[in-house]
């Protein structure tokens, strides 16, 4: 079974999903306010492109994709989120994609 993935679509997170700062009863986070126009989330991956898009075809096994933009092996996860989470109290993790075995 083939599974085609457009990683950018699978990994895309709307800006409205990000929060930051100290709001009533919410811990401080390193993520961004949706209102922070002009603040980039991606500060190191393929910066010359208008949009970072990766496409992969998965026929078997699994792939672990980065969602924190910190991986040196982007779009694949290298575990950089763990250090980020420890330093910031964030809870970001990878997207794990597997191929469903036939019935």
N, C-alpha and C. Protein backbone atom coordinates (compact mmCIF):
# COMPACT_ATOMS: atom_id res chain seq x y z
N UNK A 1 0.85 -1.17 0.00
CA UNK A 1 0.00 0.00 0.00
C UNK A 1 0.89 1.23 0.00
N UNK A 2 0.58 2.15 -0.88
CA UNK A 2 1.34 3.41 -0.93
C UNK A 2 0.62 4.48 -0.15
N UNK A 3 1.40 5.28 0.52
CA UNK A 3 0.84 6.41 1.26
C UNK A 3 1.65 7.62 0.87
N UNK A 4 1.02 8.57 0.21
CA UNK A 4 1.70 9.80 -0.16
C UNK A 4 1.40 10.87 0.86
N UNK A 5 2.43 11.60 1.22
CA UNK A 5 2.28 12.64 2.24
C UNK A 5 2.90 13.92 1.74
N UNK A 6 2.20 14.97 1.86
CA UNK A 6 2.79 16.28 1.66
C UNK A 6 3.09 16.78 3.06
N UNK A 7 4.36 16.71 3.42
CA UNK A 7 4.76 16.97 4.80
C UNK A 7 4.36 18.37 5.27
N UNK A 8 4.45 19.34 4.40
CA UNK A 8 4.09 20.70 4.82
C UNK A 8 2.64 20.77 5.25
N UNK A 9 1.77 20.08 4.53
CA UNK A 9 0.35 20.09 4.90
C UNK A 9 0.13 19.32 6.19
N UNK A 10 0.84 18.20 6.34
CA UNK A 10 0.69 17.38 7.54
C UNK A 10 1.26 18.09 8.76
N UNK A 11 2.27 18.90 8.56
CA UNK A 11 2.94 19.55 9.67
C UNK A 11 2.46 20.96 9.93
N UNK A 12 1.71 21.50 8.99
CA UNK A 12 1.28 22.90 9.11
C UNK A 12 0.41 23.08 10.34
N UNK A 13 0.70 24.10 11.08
CA UNK A 13 -0.08 24.44 12.26
C UNK A 13 -0.51 25.89 12.10
N UNK A 14 -1.80 26.15 12.16
CA UNK A 14 -2.24 27.54 12.01
C UNK A 14 -1.67 28.41 13.13
N UNK A 15 -1.39 29.65 12.79
CA UNK A 15 -0.83 30.57 13.77
C UNK A 15 -1.73 30.70 14.99
N UNK A 16 -3.03 30.52 14.81
CA UNK A 16 -3.95 30.66 15.93
C UNK A 16 -3.75 29.58 16.99
N UNK A 17 -2.99 28.55 16.68
CA UNK A 17 -2.74 27.48 17.64
C UNK A 17 -1.65 27.83 18.63
N UNK A 18 -0.93 28.92 18.40
CA UNK A 18 0.18 29.29 19.26
C UNK A 18 -0.23 30.31 20.31
N UNK A 19 0.32 30.13 21.50
CA UNK A 19 0.10 31.09 22.57
C UNK A 19 1.43 31.34 23.26
N UNK A 20 1.54 32.43 23.97
CA UNK A 20 2.76 32.72 24.70
C UNK A 20 2.45 33.57 25.91
N UNK A 21 3.43 33.66 26.77
CA UNK A 21 3.31 34.60 27.86
C UNK A 21 2.58 34.03 29.06
N UNK A 22 2.29 34.89 29.97
CA UNK A 22 1.64 34.51 31.20
C UNK A 22 0.22 35.03 31.19
N UNK A 23 -0.73 34.18 30.89
CA UNK A 23 -2.13 34.56 30.97
C UNK A 23 -2.69 33.88 32.20
N UNK A 24 -3.84 34.28 32.64
CA UNK A 24 -4.41 33.79 33.89
C UNK A 24 -4.41 32.27 33.95
N UNK A 25 -3.62 31.71 34.84
CA UNK A 25 -3.60 30.28 35.07
C UNK A 25 -2.89 29.46 34.01
N UNK A 26 -2.22 30.08 33.06
CA UNK A 26 -1.55 29.35 31.99
C UNK A 26 -0.06 29.53 32.13
N UNK A 27 0.70 28.44 32.05
CA UNK A 27 2.14 28.55 32.18
C UNK A 27 2.74 29.30 31.00
N UNK A 28 3.89 29.88 31.20
CA UNK A 28 4.57 30.60 30.12
C UNK A 28 5.10 29.60 29.11
N UNK A 29 5.03 29.94 27.85
CA UNK A 29 5.45 29.08 26.76
C UNK A 29 6.39 29.85 25.84
N UNK A 30 7.15 29.12 25.06
CA UNK A 30 8.04 29.77 24.11
C UNK A 30 7.37 29.99 22.75
N UNK A 31 6.16 29.47 22.58
CA UNK A 31 5.46 29.61 21.31
C UNK A 31 5.05 31.06 21.11
N UNK A 32 4.47 31.34 19.97
CA UNK A 32 4.17 32.71 19.57
C UNK A 32 2.69 33.03 19.67
N UNK A 33 2.39 34.30 19.97
CA UNK A 33 1.02 34.77 19.85
C UNK A 33 0.64 34.82 18.39
N UNK A 34 -0.57 34.47 18.06
CA UNK A 34 -1.05 34.62 16.69
C UNK A 34 -1.02 36.09 16.29
N UNK A 35 -1.15 37.00 17.27
CA UNK A 35 -1.18 38.43 17.00
C UNK A 35 0.19 39.00 16.68
N UNK A 36 1.25 38.26 16.92
CA UNK A 36 2.62 38.74 16.68
C UNK A 36 2.95 38.69 15.20
N UNK A 37 2.38 39.59 14.43
CA UNK A 37 2.62 39.62 13.00
C UNK A 37 4.09 39.90 12.72
N UNK A 38 4.63 39.25 11.72
CA UNK A 38 6.01 39.47 11.33
C UNK A 38 7.01 38.64 12.13
N UNK A 39 6.55 37.88 13.12
CA UNK A 39 7.44 37.02 13.90
C UNK A 39 7.46 35.64 13.24
N UNK A 40 8.63 35.18 12.86
CA UNK A 40 8.76 33.90 12.17
C UNK A 40 8.84 32.74 13.15
N UNK A 41 8.22 31.64 12.78
CA UNK A 41 8.36 30.39 13.51
C UNK A 41 9.59 29.66 12.97
N UNK A 42 9.70 29.60 11.66
CA UNK A 42 10.83 28.94 11.01
C UNK A 42 11.98 29.94 10.89
N UNK A 43 13.06 29.66 11.59
CA UNK A 43 14.22 30.56 11.55
C UNK A 43 15.45 29.92 10.94
N UNK A 44 15.34 28.67 10.40
CA UNK A 44 16.54 28.04 9.87
C UNK A 44 16.34 27.08 8.71
N UNK A 45 15.13 26.69 8.36
CA UNK A 45 14.90 25.68 7.33
C UNK A 45 14.53 26.33 6.01
N UNK A 46 15.34 26.13 4.97
CA UNK A 46 15.03 26.54 3.59
C UNK A 46 14.47 27.96 3.53
N UNK A 47 15.19 28.89 4.11
CA UNK A 47 14.70 30.27 4.26
C UNK A 47 14.55 31.02 2.94
N UNK A 48 15.19 30.56 1.88
CA UNK A 48 15.08 31.24 0.59
C UNK A 48 13.80 30.88 -0.17
N UNK A 49 13.08 29.88 0.29
CA UNK A 49 11.85 29.46 -0.37
C UNK A 49 10.66 30.26 0.13
N UNK A 50 9.68 30.45 -0.77
CA UNK A 50 8.44 31.12 -0.38
C UNK A 50 7.66 30.29 0.63
N UNK A 51 7.74 28.95 0.48
CA UNK A 51 7.02 28.04 1.36
C UNK A 51 7.83 26.75 1.45
N UNK A 52 7.99 26.23 2.66
CA UNK A 52 8.71 24.97 2.84
C UNK A 52 7.72 23.83 2.63
N UNK A 53 7.94 23.05 1.58
CA UNK A 53 7.07 21.92 1.24
C UNK A 53 7.95 20.71 0.98
N UNK A 54 7.60 19.60 1.59
CA UNK A 54 8.30 18.35 1.35
C UNK A 54 7.26 17.28 1.05
N UNK A 55 7.57 16.40 0.08
CA UNK A 55 6.65 15.33 -0.27
C UNK A 55 7.40 14.01 -0.19
N UNK A 56 6.77 13.02 0.43
CA UNK A 56 7.37 11.71 0.55
C UNK A 56 6.32 10.66 0.25
N UNK A 57 6.76 9.54 -0.32
CA UNK A 57 5.88 8.40 -0.53
C UNK A 57 6.34 7.30 0.42
N UNK A 58 5.43 6.83 1.24
CA UNK A 58 5.74 5.82 2.23
C UNK A 58 5.05 4.53 1.83
N UNK A 59 5.83 3.48 1.54
CA UNK A 59 5.26 2.20 1.14
C UNK A 59 5.25 1.20 2.28
N UNK A 60 6.17 1.35 3.23
CA UNK A 60 6.20 0.47 4.40
C UNK A 60 6.95 1.18 5.52
N UNK A 61 6.79 0.67 6.71
CA UNK A 61 7.52 1.23 7.84
C UNK A 61 6.88 2.47 8.41
N UNK A 62 7.74 3.35 8.96
CA UNK A 62 7.23 4.60 9.55
C UNK A 62 8.25 5.70 9.35
N UNK A 63 7.78 6.92 9.45
CA UNK A 63 8.63 8.11 9.41
C UNK A 63 8.22 8.99 10.58
N UNK A 64 9.20 9.68 11.16
CA UNK A 64 8.95 10.57 12.28
C UNK A 64 9.32 11.98 11.83
N UNK A 65 8.32 12.85 11.74
CA UNK A 65 8.49 14.18 11.18
C UNK A 65 8.58 15.25 12.28
N UNK A 66 9.43 16.23 12.04
CA UNK A 66 9.64 17.36 12.95
C UNK A 66 8.45 18.31 12.90
N UNK A 67 8.01 18.77 14.07
CA UNK A 67 6.98 19.81 14.15
C UNK A 67 7.46 21.02 14.93
N UNK A 68 8.74 21.02 15.33
CA UNK A 68 9.24 22.15 16.13
C UNK A 68 10.13 23.09 15.32
N UNK A 69 10.47 22.72 14.11
CA UNK A 69 11.33 23.51 13.22
C UNK A 69 12.78 23.58 13.71
N UNK A 70 13.17 22.77 14.67
CA UNK A 70 14.52 22.83 15.22
C UNK A 70 15.42 21.71 14.72
N UNK A 71 14.88 20.72 14.04
CA UNK A 71 15.64 19.56 13.61
C UNK A 71 16.66 19.90 12.53
N UNK A 72 17.89 19.39 12.71
CA UNK A 72 18.92 19.53 11.68
C UNK A 72 18.69 18.56 10.54
N UNK A 73 17.74 17.65 10.69
CA UNK A 73 17.41 16.68 9.64
C UNK A 73 16.01 16.93 9.08
N UNK A 74 15.52 18.18 9.23
CA UNK A 74 14.18 18.54 8.77
C UNK A 74 13.98 18.11 7.33
N UNK A 75 12.85 17.49 6.97
CA UNK A 75 11.60 17.43 7.71
C UNK A 75 11.53 16.28 8.73
N UNK A 76 12.57 15.48 8.82
CA UNK A 76 12.55 14.39 9.79
C UNK A 76 12.97 14.88 11.16
N UNK A 77 12.42 14.27 12.17
CA UNK A 77 12.71 14.63 13.56
C UNK A 77 14.07 14.07 13.98
N UNK A 78 14.83 14.87 14.72
CA UNK A 78 16.09 14.38 15.30
C UNK A 78 16.08 14.48 16.82
N UNK A 79 14.91 14.75 17.39
CA UNK A 79 14.78 14.82 18.84
C UNK A 79 15.08 16.19 19.44
N UNK A 80 15.32 17.20 18.61
CA UNK A 80 15.63 18.54 19.12
C UNK A 80 14.53 19.10 20.01
N UNK A 81 13.31 18.65 19.81
CA UNK A 81 12.19 19.14 20.61
C UNK A 81 12.37 18.82 22.10
N UNK A 82 13.07 17.74 22.43
CA UNK A 82 13.25 17.35 23.83
C UNK A 82 14.03 18.42 24.60
N UNK A 83 15.12 18.90 24.01
CA UNK A 83 15.91 19.96 24.65
C UNK A 83 15.10 21.25 24.76
N UNK A 84 14.37 21.57 23.69
CA UNK A 84 13.50 22.74 23.68
C UNK A 84 12.45 22.64 24.78
N UNK A 85 11.80 21.48 24.88
CA UNK A 85 10.75 21.29 25.89
C UNK A 85 11.31 21.43 27.30
N UNK A 86 12.49 20.87 27.54
CA UNK A 86 13.11 20.96 28.86
C UNK A 86 13.43 22.41 29.22
N UNK A 87 13.92 23.16 28.24
CA UNK A 87 14.33 24.55 28.49
C UNK A 87 13.14 25.49 28.65
N UNK A 88 12.02 25.18 28.00
CA UNK A 88 10.91 26.12 27.95
C UNK A 88 9.65 25.67 28.68
N UNK A 89 9.54 24.39 29.00
CA UNK A 89 8.30 23.87 29.57
C UNK A 89 7.25 23.59 28.51
N UNK A 90 7.65 23.66 27.24
CA UNK A 90 6.74 23.39 26.13
C UNK A 90 6.47 21.88 26.06
N UNK A 91 5.57 21.46 25.19
CA UNK A 91 5.26 20.03 25.06
C UNK A 91 5.21 19.57 23.62
N UNK A 92 5.95 20.24 22.74
CA UNK A 92 5.93 19.90 21.32
C UNK A 92 6.59 18.53 21.10
N UNK A 93 6.09 17.79 20.13
CA UNK A 93 6.64 16.49 19.79
C UNK A 93 6.49 16.24 18.30
N UNK A 94 6.98 15.11 17.82
CA UNK A 94 6.97 14.83 16.39
C UNK A 94 5.62 14.31 15.89
N UNK A 95 5.49 14.28 14.57
CA UNK A 95 4.37 13.60 13.90
C UNK A 95 4.92 12.26 13.45
N UNK A 96 4.29 11.17 13.88
CA UNK A 96 4.74 9.83 13.49
C UNK A 96 3.72 9.28 12.49
N UNK A 97 4.21 8.89 11.31
CA UNK A 97 3.35 8.38 10.25
C UNK A 97 3.74 6.93 9.97
N UNK A 98 2.75 6.04 9.97
CA UNK A 98 2.99 4.64 9.66
C UNK A 98 2.07 4.20 8.53
N UNK A 99 2.43 3.11 7.89
CA UNK A 99 1.60 2.53 6.85
C UNK A 99 0.75 1.45 7.49
N UNK A 100 -0.55 1.54 7.29
CA UNK A 100 -1.46 0.56 7.84
C UNK A 100 -1.27 -0.77 7.11
N UNK A 101 -1.11 -1.82 7.88
CA UNK A 101 -0.94 -3.15 7.28
C UNK A 101 -2.25 -3.59 6.65
N UNK A 102 -2.14 -4.36 5.55
CA UNK A 102 -3.33 -4.85 4.86
C UNK A 102 -4.17 -5.74 5.73
N UNK A 103 -5.48 -5.77 5.45
CA UNK A 103 -6.40 -6.59 6.26
C UNK A 103 -6.23 -8.05 6.01
